[in-house]
Protein backbone atom coordinates (compact mmCIF):
# COMPACT_ATOMS: atom_id res chain seq x y z
CA MET A 1 -22.66 -98.51 -10.53
CA LYS A 2 -25.14 -100.30 -13.05
CA LYS A 3 -27.77 -99.90 -10.92
CA PHE A 4 -27.91 -96.21 -11.14
CA PHE A 5 -29.12 -96.45 -14.76
CA GLY A 6 -31.61 -98.87 -13.46
CA LEU A 7 -33.13 -96.58 -10.42
CA VAL A 8 -33.30 -93.86 -12.48
CA LEU A 9 -35.61 -95.88 -14.75
CA LEU A 10 -37.48 -97.38 -11.72
CA LEU A 11 -38.16 -93.88 -10.26
CA SER A 12 -39.38 -93.18 -13.63
CA LEU A 13 -42.44 -95.80 -13.30
CA MET A 14 -42.99 -94.13 -9.91
CA THR A 15 -43.80 -90.72 -10.81
CA THR A 16 -46.72 -89.90 -9.08
CA ALA A 17 -49.60 -87.89 -11.20
CA ILE A 18 -48.57 -84.34 -9.29
CA TYR A 19 -45.51 -84.20 -12.34
CA ALA A 20 -47.42 -84.95 -14.92
CA ASN A 21 -48.89 -83.28 -17.20
CA THR A 22 -52.52 -82.20 -16.32
CA GLY A 23 -53.75 -84.08 -19.46
CA ASN A 24 -56.84 -83.09 -21.29
CA GLY A 25 -60.34 -82.72 -19.92
CA ALA A 26 -62.91 -79.11 -20.28
CA PHE A 27 -62.07 -75.75 -20.34
CA SER A 28 -62.86 -73.75 -17.57
CA SER A 29 -62.14 -69.94 -15.81
CA ARG A 30 -59.52 -71.91 -13.20
CA ASP A 31 -58.11 -72.53 -16.62
CA LEU A 32 -56.85 -68.71 -17.45
CA ASN A 33 -53.22 -67.84 -18.00
CA ARG A 34 -52.47 -71.94 -17.93
CA VAL A 35 -49.78 -72.38 -20.08
CA LEU A 36 -51.03 -74.77 -22.88
CA TYR A 37 -49.53 -76.94 -25.49
CA LEU A 38 -50.82 -77.37 -29.26
CA LYS A 39 -51.54 -81.48 -29.89
CA THR A 40 -49.87 -81.01 -33.22
CA ASN A 41 -46.99 -79.03 -32.64
CA PRO A 42 -45.94 -80.58 -28.49
CA SER A 43 -43.39 -77.78 -28.74
CA ARG A 44 -45.10 -74.85 -29.20
CA TYR A 45 -46.83 -73.17 -26.14
CA LEU A 46 -49.62 -70.64 -25.80
CA VAL A 47 -51.66 -68.85 -22.54
CA LEU A 48 -55.04 -68.92 -22.21
CA GLN A 49 -56.97 -66.17 -22.18
CA LYS A 50 -59.91 -66.59 -22.90
CA ILE A 51 -63.15 -69.18 -23.03
CA MET A 52 -64.79 -67.90 -26.69
CA PRO A 53 -69.09 -68.26 -26.15
CA ASP A 54 -68.48 -70.75 -29.36
CA GLY A 55 -66.20 -73.24 -27.13
CA LYS A 56 -63.02 -71.57 -29.05
CA LEU A 57 -60.30 -70.50 -26.80
CA ARG A 58 -57.89 -67.36 -27.24
CA CYS A 59 -54.81 -67.46 -25.95
CA ARG A 60 -51.56 -65.76 -25.92
CA ILE A 61 -48.56 -67.24 -27.70
CA TYR A 62 -46.05 -68.02 -24.86
CA ALA A 63 -43.30 -65.73 -24.26
CA THR A 64 -44.39 -63.44 -27.11
CA ARG A 65 -47.65 -61.16 -27.44
CA GLN A 66 -49.30 -62.95 -30.07
CA ILE A 67 -53.48 -63.83 -29.75
CA VAL A 68 -54.22 -66.77 -31.65
CA SER A 69 -57.42 -68.78 -31.46
CA ILE A 70 -57.97 -72.51 -31.92
CA GLU A 71 -60.24 -74.61 -31.03
CA SER A 72 -60.04 -76.77 -27.29
CA TYR A 73 -59.62 -79.90 -28.50
CA ASP A 74 -56.26 -78.90 -30.39
CA ALA A 75 -55.18 -77.99 -26.71
CA GLY A 76 -53.44 -79.81 -23.98
CA LYS A 77 -53.22 -78.79 -20.31
CA THR A 78 -49.87 -78.90 -18.79
CA ILE A 79 -49.42 -78.35 -15.17
CA PHE A 80 -48.16 -74.00 -15.42
CA TYR A 81 -49.30 -70.36 -15.97
CA ASP A 82 -47.41 -67.60 -17.14
CA SER A 83 -46.59 -66.87 -13.56
CA THR A 84 -44.70 -69.82 -12.85
CA SER A 85 -41.11 -68.61 -12.20
CA GLN A 86 -38.29 -69.69 -13.57
CA LEU A 87 -36.98 -71.56 -10.62
CA VAL A 88 -40.12 -74.07 -10.60
CA LEU A 89 -39.66 -74.40 -14.54
CA SER A 90 -36.11 -75.63 -14.09
CA GLN A 91 -36.81 -77.21 -10.69
CA TYR A 92 -39.24 -79.66 -12.58
CA ALA A 93 -37.56 -79.86 -15.96
CA LEU A 94 -34.55 -81.18 -13.98
CA TYR A 95 -36.63 -83.94 -12.61
CA TYR A 96 -38.41 -84.52 -16.08
CA ARG A 97 -34.97 -84.81 -17.02
CA ALA A 98 -34.05 -87.75 -14.38
CA HIS A 99 -36.33 -89.13 -15.05
CA ARG A 100 -36.66 -89.88 -18.62
CA LEU A 101 -39.33 -88.39 -19.28
CA LYS A 102 -41.23 -87.93 -22.58
CA ASN A 103 -42.89 -84.48 -23.35
CA ASN A 104 -40.68 -82.54 -21.15
CA HIS A 105 -43.31 -79.13 -21.84
CA ALA A 106 -41.21 -77.49 -18.53
CA MET A 107 -38.02 -77.52 -20.30
CA ASP A 108 -39.27 -75.81 -23.55
CA LEU A 109 -41.14 -73.58 -21.35
CA TRP A 110 -37.94 -72.45 -19.25
CA LYS A 111 -36.07 -72.12 -22.72
CA GLN A 112 -38.46 -70.18 -24.26
CA SER A 113 -38.97 -68.40 -21.15
CA GLY A 114 -35.37 -67.12 -21.04
CA ASP A 115 -33.27 -67.88 -17.83
CA SER A 116 -32.62 -66.21 -14.45
CA THR A 117 -31.71 -69.07 -12.97
CA GLY A 118 -27.86 -68.71 -14.04
CA ARG A 119 -28.39 -72.98 -14.59
CA LEU A 120 -29.21 -73.06 -18.31
CA GLU A 121 -25.89 -71.57 -19.71
CA VAL A 122 -24.40 -74.66 -17.53
CA LEU A 123 -26.78 -77.40 -18.84
CA ASN A 124 -26.72 -75.93 -22.49
CA LYS A 125 -23.22 -76.30 -22.48
CA PHE A 126 -23.38 -79.91 -21.52
CA ASP A 127 -25.21 -80.79 -23.86
CA ALA A 128 -23.12 -79.35 -26.84
CA GLU A 129 -20.97 -81.03 -25.54
CA LEU A 130 -22.51 -83.76 -25.31
CA LYS A 131 -24.26 -83.95 -28.26
CA HIS A 132 -20.69 -83.45 -30.02
CA PHE A 133 -19.03 -86.41 -28.01
CA ARG A 134 -21.97 -88.67 -29.15
CA ALA A 135 -21.84 -87.56 -32.90
CA GLN A 136 -17.84 -88.66 -32.82
CA LEU A 137 -19.06 -91.89 -31.23
CA GLN A 138 -21.42 -92.54 -33.55
CA SER A 139 -18.67 -92.36 -36.50
CA ILE A 140 -16.93 -94.47 -34.83
CA ARG A 141 -19.29 -96.75 -34.58
CA LYS A 142 -20.51 -96.29 -38.40
CA LYS A 143 -17.29 -97.28 -39.72
CA ASN A 144 -16.99 -100.22 -41.34
CA HIS A 145 -15.48 -102.62 -39.14
CA LYS A 146 -14.29 -105.96 -42.07
CA VAL A 147 -11.93 -104.10 -42.91
CA GLU A 148 -10.40 -101.13 -40.68
CA ASP A 149 -8.02 -102.76 -38.25
CA PRO A 150 -8.95 -103.58 -34.52
CA ASP A 151 -6.38 -101.78 -33.12
CA ASP A 152 -6.34 -98.66 -35.08
CA ARG A 153 -10.60 -98.77 -33.92
CA LEU A 154 -9.53 -98.63 -30.48
CA ASP A 155 -7.35 -96.05 -30.59
CA ASN A 156 -9.99 -93.76 -32.36
CA LEU A 157 -11.96 -94.86 -29.21
CA HIS A 158 -9.69 -93.38 -26.45
CA GLU A 159 -8.35 -91.05 -28.05
CA LEU A 160 -11.88 -89.83 -27.93
CA LEU A 161 -11.88 -90.52 -24.75
CA ASP A 162 -9.33 -88.53 -23.75
CA LYS A 163 -10.34 -85.40 -25.16
CA CYS A 164 -14.16 -85.81 -23.45
CA LYS A 165 -14.93 -82.46 -21.54
CA LEU A 166 -17.29 -83.56 -19.94
CA PRO A 167 -16.07 -84.24 -16.38
CA GLU A 168 -14.25 -81.12 -16.52
CA ILE A 169 -17.85 -79.39 -17.53
CA ILE A 170 -19.39 -80.83 -14.17
CA SER A 171 -16.87 -80.64 -11.84
CA GLY A 172 -16.11 -77.58 -12.88
CA GLN A 173 -19.54 -76.12 -11.68
CA PHE A 174 -19.08 -78.11 -7.90
CA GLU A 175 -18.78 -74.70 -6.65
CA THR A 176 -21.84 -72.91 -7.59
CA ASN A 177 -23.57 -75.87 -5.19
CA ASP A 178 -26.22 -76.61 -7.45
CA PHE A 179 -26.55 -80.18 -6.90
CA ALA A 180 -29.61 -80.73 -8.26
CA LEU A 181 -27.93 -79.54 -11.91
CA LEU A 182 -24.87 -81.56 -10.99
CA ILE A 183 -26.51 -84.77 -10.25
CA VAL A 184 -28.60 -84.75 -13.52
CA MET A 185 -25.45 -83.59 -16.08
CA TYR A 186 -23.93 -86.67 -14.18
CA ALA A 187 -26.85 -89.24 -14.96
CA ASP A 188 -25.64 -88.72 -18.48
CA PHE A 189 -22.71 -88.66 -18.10
CA HIS A 190 -23.45 -92.70 -16.28
CA ILE A 191 -25.11 -93.43 -19.21
CA LEU A 192 -22.68 -92.49 -21.69
CA MET A 193 -19.84 -93.97 -20.09
CA LEU A 194 -21.93 -97.36 -19.77
CA GLU A 195 -22.91 -97.40 -23.70
CA PHE A 196 -19.28 -96.13 -24.38
CA GLU A 197 -18.12 -99.44 -22.27
CA LYS A 198 -19.90 -101.53 -24.51
CA MET A 199 -17.83 -100.66 -26.74
CA ASP A 200 -14.98 -102.52 -26.00
CA PRO A 201 -16.73 -106.45 -25.51
CA GLU A 202 -12.98 -107.68 -24.11
CA LYS A 203 -13.35 -105.56 -21.27
CA SER A 204 -9.92 -104.21 -22.19
CA SER A 205 -7.85 -100.70 -21.26
CA LEU A 206 -11.01 -98.58 -22.80
CA TYR A 207 -13.11 -100.33 -20.90
CA GLU A 208 -11.59 -100.02 -17.74
CA ALA A 209 -10.73 -96.31 -18.97
CA ALA A 210 -14.23 -95.73 -19.14
CA ARG A 211 -15.15 -96.94 -15.58
CA THR A 212 -12.40 -95.31 -13.91
CA MET A 213 -13.21 -92.31 -15.72
CA ARG A 214 -16.97 -92.64 -14.85
CA GLN A 215 -16.07 -93.56 -10.83
CA GLU A 216 -13.84 -91.40 -10.47
CA LEU A 217 -16.32 -88.46 -10.96
CA ALA A 218 -18.84 -90.54 -9.22
CA LYS A 219 -17.22 -90.17 -5.72
CA GLN A 220 -16.12 -86.75 -6.46
CA LEU A 221 -19.72 -85.71 -6.51
CA CYS A 222 -20.32 -88.26 -4.04
CA ASP A 223 -17.46 -85.85 -1.85
CA ALA A 224 -18.51 -82.67 -2.82
CA PHE A 225 -21.96 -83.08 -1.89
CA SER A 226 -21.07 -84.46 1.77
CA GLU A 227 -18.65 -81.45 2.36
CA HIS A 228 -21.50 -79.03 0.98
CA ASN A 229 -24.34 -80.63 3.26
CA SER A 230 -21.43 -80.41 5.85
CA SER A 231 -21.18 -76.54 5.55
CA SER A 232 -21.97 -74.34 8.79
CA GLY A 233 -24.80 -72.71 6.98
CA GLN A 234 -26.59 -76.14 6.27
CA THR A 235 -25.69 -77.02 9.95
CA GLY A 236 -26.55 -74.28 11.19
CA ARG A 237 -30.30 -74.17 9.88
CA ARG A 238 -30.43 -77.92 10.80
CA GLU A 239 -29.16 -77.57 14.85
CA LYS A 240 -31.75 -73.40 14.98
CA PHE A 241 -34.58 -76.29 13.72
CA LEU A 242 -34.23 -78.89 15.82
CA ARG A 243 -34.19 -76.58 18.65
CA ILE A 244 -37.41 -75.33 18.22
CA TYR A 245 -38.88 -78.92 17.03
CA PRO A 246 -36.70 -81.20 18.91
CA ASP A 247 -38.47 -84.33 18.43
CA HIS A 248 -38.18 -84.01 14.29
CA LYS A 249 -37.27 -87.90 12.38
CA GLY A 250 -37.78 -89.02 8.89
CA ALA A 251 -36.46 -86.03 6.92
CA ARG A 252 -34.14 -86.48 4.78
CA TRP A 253 -31.85 -84.66 5.80
CA GLN A 254 -31.40 -85.67 8.84
CA LYS A 255 -29.93 -89.14 7.10
CA PRO A 256 -26.51 -89.98 6.38
CA SER A 257 -24.85 -87.96 3.32
CA PRO A 258 -25.53 -90.87 0.19
CA GLN A 259 -21.64 -91.95 -0.32
CA THR A 260 -22.81 -93.82 -4.26
CA PRO A 261 -24.45 -92.20 -6.94
CA THR A 262 -27.81 -94.70 -6.48
CA GLU A 263 -27.60 -93.10 -2.93
CA LEU A 264 -27.01 -90.31 -4.70
CA THR A 265 -29.83 -90.68 -7.62
CA ARG A 266 -32.05 -91.20 -4.14
CA SER A 267 -31.13 -88.45 -2.25
CA PHE A 268 -32.28 -86.42 -5.22
CA ASP A 269 -35.32 -88.02 -6.19
CA SER A 270 -36.17 -86.95 -2.51
CA CYS A 271 -35.40 -84.18 -2.46
CA MET A 272 -36.92 -82.80 -5.24
CA LYS A 273 -40.44 -84.20 -4.40
CA SER A 274 -40.00 -82.22 -0.85
CA TYR A 275 -39.23 -78.76 -3.21
CA PHE A 276 -42.33 -80.29 -5.18
CA ALA A 277 -44.55 -79.90 -1.88
CA LEU A 278 -44.17 -76.64 -1.19
CA ASN A 279 -47.22 -75.77 -3.53
CA ASN A 280 -49.15 -77.79 -0.22
CA LEU A 281 -47.38 -76.28 2.77
CA SER A 282 -47.64 -72.84 4.11
CA SER A 283 -44.10 -71.39 6.26
CA ILE A 284 -47.48 -69.49 9.03
CA THR A 285 -49.69 -72.29 8.96
CA ASP A 286 -47.35 -75.90 8.04
CA PRO A 287 -43.78 -74.11 9.88
CA GLN A 288 -42.77 -77.57 11.05
CA GLU A 289 -43.15 -79.75 7.61
CA TRP A 290 -42.29 -76.71 4.68
CA SER A 291 -39.05 -75.48 7.46
CA SER A 292 -38.03 -79.12 7.54
CA ALA A 293 -39.19 -79.60 3.26
CA VAL A 294 -37.11 -76.13 3.11
CA LEU A 295 -33.99 -77.94 3.93
CA ASP A 296 -34.27 -81.64 2.64
CA VAL A 297 -34.33 -79.42 -1.13
CA LEU A 298 -31.45 -77.17 0.38
CA MET A 299 -29.38 -79.94 0.36
CA LEU A 300 -29.39 -79.58 -3.38
CA THR A 301 -28.98 -76.25 -3.12
CA GLY A 302 -27.56 -74.74 -0.21
CA GLY A 303 -25.83 -71.81 -1.43
CA ALA A 304 -27.24 -71.92 -4.66
CA LYS A 305 -27.88 -68.72 -7.04
CA CYS A 306 -31.46 -70.11 -8.10
CA THR A 307 -32.68 -70.54 -4.15
CA ALA A 308 -31.12 -67.51 -2.36
CA GLY A 309 -34.33 -66.42 -1.79
CA LEU A 310 -36.27 -69.49 -0.19
CA GLU A 311 -32.92 -69.82 1.47
CA LYS A 312 -34.16 -66.08 2.76
CA GLU A 313 -37.53 -66.58 3.60
CA LEU A 314 -36.48 -69.89 5.39
CA ASP A 315 -33.74 -67.97 7.72
CA ASN A 316 -35.95 -65.30 8.78
CA THR A 317 -39.37 -68.14 9.64
CA LEU A 318 -36.43 -69.87 11.95
CA GLU A 319 -36.08 -67.01 13.37
CA MET A 320 -39.38 -65.75 13.61
CA LEU A 321 -40.03 -69.58 15.38
CA GLU A 322 -36.91 -69.06 17.93
CA GLN A 323 -38.10 -65.44 18.70
CA LYS A 324 -41.71 -67.06 19.77
CA ASN A 325 -40.39 -69.79 21.45
CA LYS A 326 -38.47 -67.54 24.21
């Protein structure tokens, strides 16, 4: 189980340039409508409107109508544009969070632009409970252990763990089929429980309780993911794809369902990279690669509200291809 956290850190080191911020560099017409961030305040975002003759940038404050002018050296580029959809922002935001990347511009923009995916409300609820739990845990840690009865401290930790609502929040979202969000929330819970277990160096009842809670939720998540990916909706599309492209091999959706948190993390990473690859694929000019990549994406979100449009596009594409092959 500890390999799960290690894998998250390893994957963060493997992140390629496509997922990173664009950086600085000279501004050109290709940057018009690009979202910029202020170097002095990285959480403040601007949309480039015009490059002035003196080199200054005329910008609109993101998600507002207010216009400002700034020096070009005060701005950094993100990979996002004003037209970037909330689905795309949320996908990048979750990927960055899973990889523990700093300056999660996608998350900031997603929260500032509102949300039509239905994900943000769940994530905010989870984060509020996570923050509350950590605050209570910190309070127990700060107590003077020299004068505190060890049994009282252990009782306080047991009580805190018993009241933890995080597993309930996560398992309560299984029916949404948004496993990208679920896996990210579980990763945070997993790390929290590892920290909690260290509060009991003797590995007594508290350690076992935290470890059991972590393992039980991991099994529930893996089972729900497996059930999701063996549903008729998922298998039906895959069967149709293979009737059209019987020699296709190597896709993530063709591999066995993950059985451990470590395997689940690998699946998350692979499927999310397939989603980002859609930027360079077309259902018209690259139908095989595009369709396979979407099948990967739907391993995480098939049946979820956020990717309903993508599912419909895939169904239409497969239907057209099947009719064409008759």
